[in-house]
Amino acid sequence: MSNRKLIRPDAADQRAGRGVRRKQVPPEQTNAEEFYYLKQMAAKTPMVVVLNNDEELQGWIEWYDKGAIKLNRSNGPNLLVLKRNIRYMYKEEELKRFRKRDRSSSS
């Protein structure tokens, strides 16, 4: 058997290694918006886009970029909607589900 020596770090080395650990800065982009748009575009999901002035637009998203989306509509002209004018958007099927639930609860 060989004779092993126990090597201990100096106390000064231990203190230097135990610096305050800071939380990692979250990434600037999560790509969640890109993933959502690509998923809805691929499926041609009927969407409802609610604008800042409470106007609702219905259609499907053909493409998007940093500042706008192109909304294709079957009952009107296709629109280029600036993202800064969009309050929120949701799938059209959610509107149908909400109306069904609202009718059944009022009966």
C-alpha atoms as a PDB file:
ATOM      1  CA  MET A   1       0.000   0.000   0.000  1.00  0.00           C
ATOM      2  CA  SER A   2       1.108   3.525  -0.703  1.00  0.00           C
ATOM      3  CA  ASN A   3       1.258   6.202   1.876  1.00  0.00           C
ATOM      4  CA  ARG A   4      -1.286   8.940   1.015  1.00  0.00           C
ATOM      5  CA  LYS A   5      -1.094  12.444   2.261  1.00  0.00           C
ATOM      6  CA  LEU A   6      -4.240  14.422   3.103  1.00  0.00           C
ATOM      7  CA  ILE A   7      -4.107  17.780   1.382  1.00  0.00           C
ATOM      8  CA  ARG A   8      -6.310  20.485   2.807  1.00  0.00           C
ATOM      9  CA  PRO A   9      -6.842  23.848   1.183  1.00  0.00           C
ATOM     10  CA  ASP A  10      -5.856  26.890   3.183  1.00  0.00           C
ATOM     11  CA  ALA A  11      -8.600  28.757   5.000  1.00  0.00           C
ATOM     12  CA  ALA A  12      -8.023  31.761   2.713  1.00  0.00           C
ATOM     13  CA  ASP A  13      -8.673  29.581  -0.365  1.00  0.00           C
ATOM     14  CA  GLN A  14     -11.929  28.304   1.121  1.00  0.00           C
ATOM     15  CA  ARG A  15     -13.271  31.814   1.783  1.00  0.00           C
ATOM     16  CA  ALA A  16     -12.431  32.949  -1.750  1.00  0.00           C
ATOM     17  CA  GLY A  17     -14.267  29.978  -3.257  1.00  0.00           C
ATOM     18  CA  ARG A  18     -17.413  30.614  -1.253  1.00  0.00           C
ATOM     19  CA  GLY A  19     -18.269  33.894  -2.912  1.00  0.00           C
ATOM     20  CA  VAL A  20     -21.868  35.012  -2.968  1.00  0.00           C
ATOM     21  CA  ARG A  21     -23.671  33.172  -5.728  1.00  0.00           C
ATOM     22  CA  ARG A  22     -26.035  35.331  -7.685  1.00  0.00           C
ATOM     23  CA  LYS A  23     -29.046  34.136  -9.577  1.00  0.00           C
ATOM     24  CA  GLN A  24     -28.574  33.673 -13.268  1.00  0.00           C
ATOM     25  CA  VAL A  25     -29.958  36.484 -15.379  1.00  0.00           C
ATOM     26  CA  PRO A  26     -32.963  35.181 -17.333  1.00  0.00           C
ATOM     27  CA  PRO A  27     -32.495  35.045 -21.100  1.00  0.00           C
ATOM     28  CA  GLU A  28     -33.542  38.153 -22.977  1.00  0.00           C
ATOM     29  CA  GLN A  29     -35.651  36.085 -25.373  1.00  0.00           C
ATOM     30  CA  THR A  30     -37.549  32.924 -24.530  1.00  0.00           C
ATOM     31  CA  ASN A  31     -38.889  32.410 -28.070  1.00  0.00           C
ATOM     32  CA  ALA A  32     -42.328  31.658 -26.586  1.00  0.00           C
ATOM     33  CA  GLU A  33     -44.003  34.210 -28.858  1.00  0.00           C
ATOM     34  CA  GLU A  34     -42.304  32.725 -31.920  1.00  0.00           C
ATOM     35  CA  PHE A  35     -43.324  29.196 -30.901  1.00  0.00           C
ATOM     36  CA  TYR A  36     -46.966  30.274 -30.370  1.00  0.00           C
ATOM     37  CA  TYR A  37     -47.215  32.073 -33.721  1.00  0.00           C
ATOM     38  CA  LEU A  38     -45.574  29.211 -35.629  1.00  0.00           C
ATOM     39  CA  LYS A  39     -47.919  26.683 -34.039  1.00  0.00           C
ATOM     40  CA  GLN A  40     -51.034  28.729 -34.899  1.00  0.00           C
ATOM     41  CA  MET A  41     -49.771  29.464 -38.427  1.00  0.00           C
ATOM     42  CA  ALA A  42     -49.051  25.797 -39.178  1.00  0.00           C
ATOM     43  CA  ALA A  43     -52.524  24.724 -38.054  1.00  0.00           C
ATOM     44  CA  LYS A  44     -54.253  27.786 -39.588  1.00  0.00           C
ATOM     45  CA  THR A  45     -56.034  28.160 -36.259  1.00  0.00           C
ATOM     46  CA  PRO A  46     -58.958  30.611 -36.410  1.00  0.00           C
ATOM     47  CA  MET A  47     -58.031  33.448 -34.041  1.00  0.00           C
ATOM     48  CA  VAL A  48     -59.780  36.449 -32.511  1.00  0.00           C
ATOM     49  CA  VAL A  49     -57.584  39.533 -32.215  1.00  0.00           C
ATOM     50  CA  VAL A  50     -58.841  42.226 -29.833  1.00  0.00           C
ATOM     51  CA  LEU A  51     -57.457  45.673 -30.568  1.00  0.00           C
ATOM     52  CA  ASN A  52     -56.828  48.495 -28.096  1.00  0.00           C
ATOM     53  CA  ASN A  53     -60.080  50.177 -29.229  1.00  0.00           C
ATOM     54  CA  ASP A  54     -62.061  46.966 -28.361  1.00  0.00           C
ATOM     55  CA  GLU A  55     -62.566  46.062 -32.026  1.00  0.00           C
ATOM     56  CA  GLU A  56     -62.428  42.295 -32.651  1.00  0.00           C
ATOM     57  CA  LEU A  57     -60.902  40.842 -35.794  1.00  0.00           C
ATOM     58  CA  GLN A  58     -61.315  37.201 -36.762  1.00  0.00           C
ATOM     59  CA  GLY A  59     -59.058  35.242 -39.060  1.00  0.00           C
ATOM     60  CA  TRP A  60     -55.907  33.150 -39.099  1.00  0.00           C
ATOM     61  CA  ILE A  61     -52.309  34.305 -38.893  1.00  0.00           C
ATOM     62  CA  GLU A  62     -50.435  33.959 -42.188  1.00  0.00           C
ATOM     63  CA  TRP A  63     -47.133  35.473 -41.037  1.00  0.00           C
ATOM     64  CA  TYR A  64     -45.626  37.696 -38.385  1.00  0.00           C
ATOM     65  CA  ASP A  65     -42.534  39.754 -37.745  1.00  0.00           C
ATOM     66  CA  LYS A  66     -41.181  41.858 -34.910  1.00  0.00           C
ATOM     67  CA  GLY A  67     -43.831  44.567 -35.176  1.00  0.00           C
ATOM     68  CA  ALA A  68     -46.853  43.161 -37.031  1.00  0.00           C
ATOM     69  CA  ILE A  69     -48.966  40.140 -37.949  1.00  0.00           C
ATOM     70  CA  LYS A  70     -50.814  39.432 -41.194  1.00  0.00           C
ATOM     71  CA  LEU A  71     -54.342  38.274 -40.499  1.00  0.00           C
ATOM     72  CA  ASN A  72     -56.142  36.412 -43.312  1.00  0.00           C
ATOM     73  CA  ARG A  73     -59.917  36.666 -43.180  1.00  0.00           C
ATOM     74  CA  SER A  74     -62.597  34.818 -45.107  1.00  0.00           C
ATOM     75  CA  ASN A  75     -65.244  37.509 -44.594  1.00  0.00           C
ATOM     76  CA  GLY A  76     -63.178  40.551 -45.524  1.00  0.00           C
ATOM     77  CA  PRO A  77     -59.838  41.787 -46.771  1.00  0.00           C
ATOM     78  CA  ASN A  78     -56.616  40.470 -45.293  1.00  0.00           C
ATOM     79  CA  LEU A  79     -55.110  42.834 -42.730  1.00  0.00           C
ATOM     80  CA  LEU A  80     -51.657  43.840 -41.548  1.00  0.00           C
ATOM     81  CA  VAL A  81     -52.094  44.514 -37.827  1.00  0.00           C
ATOM     82  CA  LEU A  82     -49.398  46.291 -35.849  1.00  0.00           C
ATOM     83  CA  LYS A  83     -48.623  44.454 -32.613  1.00  0.00           C
ATOM     84  CA  ARG A  84     -48.695  47.690 -30.623  1.00  0.00           C
ATOM     85  CA  ASN A  85     -52.420  47.980 -31.481  1.00  0.00           C
ATOM     86  CA  ILE A  86     -53.239  44.466 -30.202  1.00  0.00           C
ATOM     87  CA  ARG A  87     -54.538  44.196 -26.655  1.00  0.00           C
ATOM     88  CA  TYR A  88     -54.748  40.392 -26.703  1.00  0.00           C
ATOM     89  CA  MET A  89     -55.692  37.450 -28.901  1.00  0.00           C
ATOM     90  CA  TYR A  90     -57.197  34.033 -28.393  1.00  0.00           C
ATOM     91  CA  LYS A  91     -58.373  31.027 -30.357  1.00  0.00           C
ATOM     92  CA  GLU A  92     -61.851  31.331 -31.869  1.00  0.00           C
ATOM     93  CA  GLU A  93     -62.825  27.934 -30.412  1.00  0.00           C
ATOM     94  CA  GLU A  94     -62.414  29.401 -26.908  1.00  0.00           C
ATOM     95  CA  LEU A  95     -65.058  32.001 -27.777  1.00  0.00           C
ATOM     96  CA  LYS A  96     -67.432  29.242 -28.895  1.00  0.00           C
ATOM     97  CA  ARG A  97     -66.788  27.262 -25.693  1.00  0.00           C
ATOM     98  CA  PHE A  98     -67.407  30.358 -23.571  1.00  0.00           C
ATOM     99  CA  ARG A  99     -70.707  31.101 -25.345  1.00  0.00           C
ATOM    100  CA  LYS A 100     -71.882  27.481 -24.896  1.00  0.00           C
ATOM    101  CA  ARG A 101     -71.019  27.565 -21.200  1.00  0.00           C
ATOM    102  CA  ASP A 102     -72.703  30.963 -20.803  1.00  0.00           C
ATOM    103  CA  ARG A 103     -75.922  29.740 -22.469  1.00  0.00           C
ATOM    104  CA  SER A 104     -76.070  26.569 -20.374  1.00  0.00           C
ATOM    105  CA  SER A 105     -75.520  28.466 -17.096  1.00  0.00           C
ATOM    106  CA  SER A 106     -78.271  31.010 -17.886  1.00  0.00           C
ATOM    107  CA  SER A 107     -80.862  28.253 -18.552  1.00  0.00           C
END
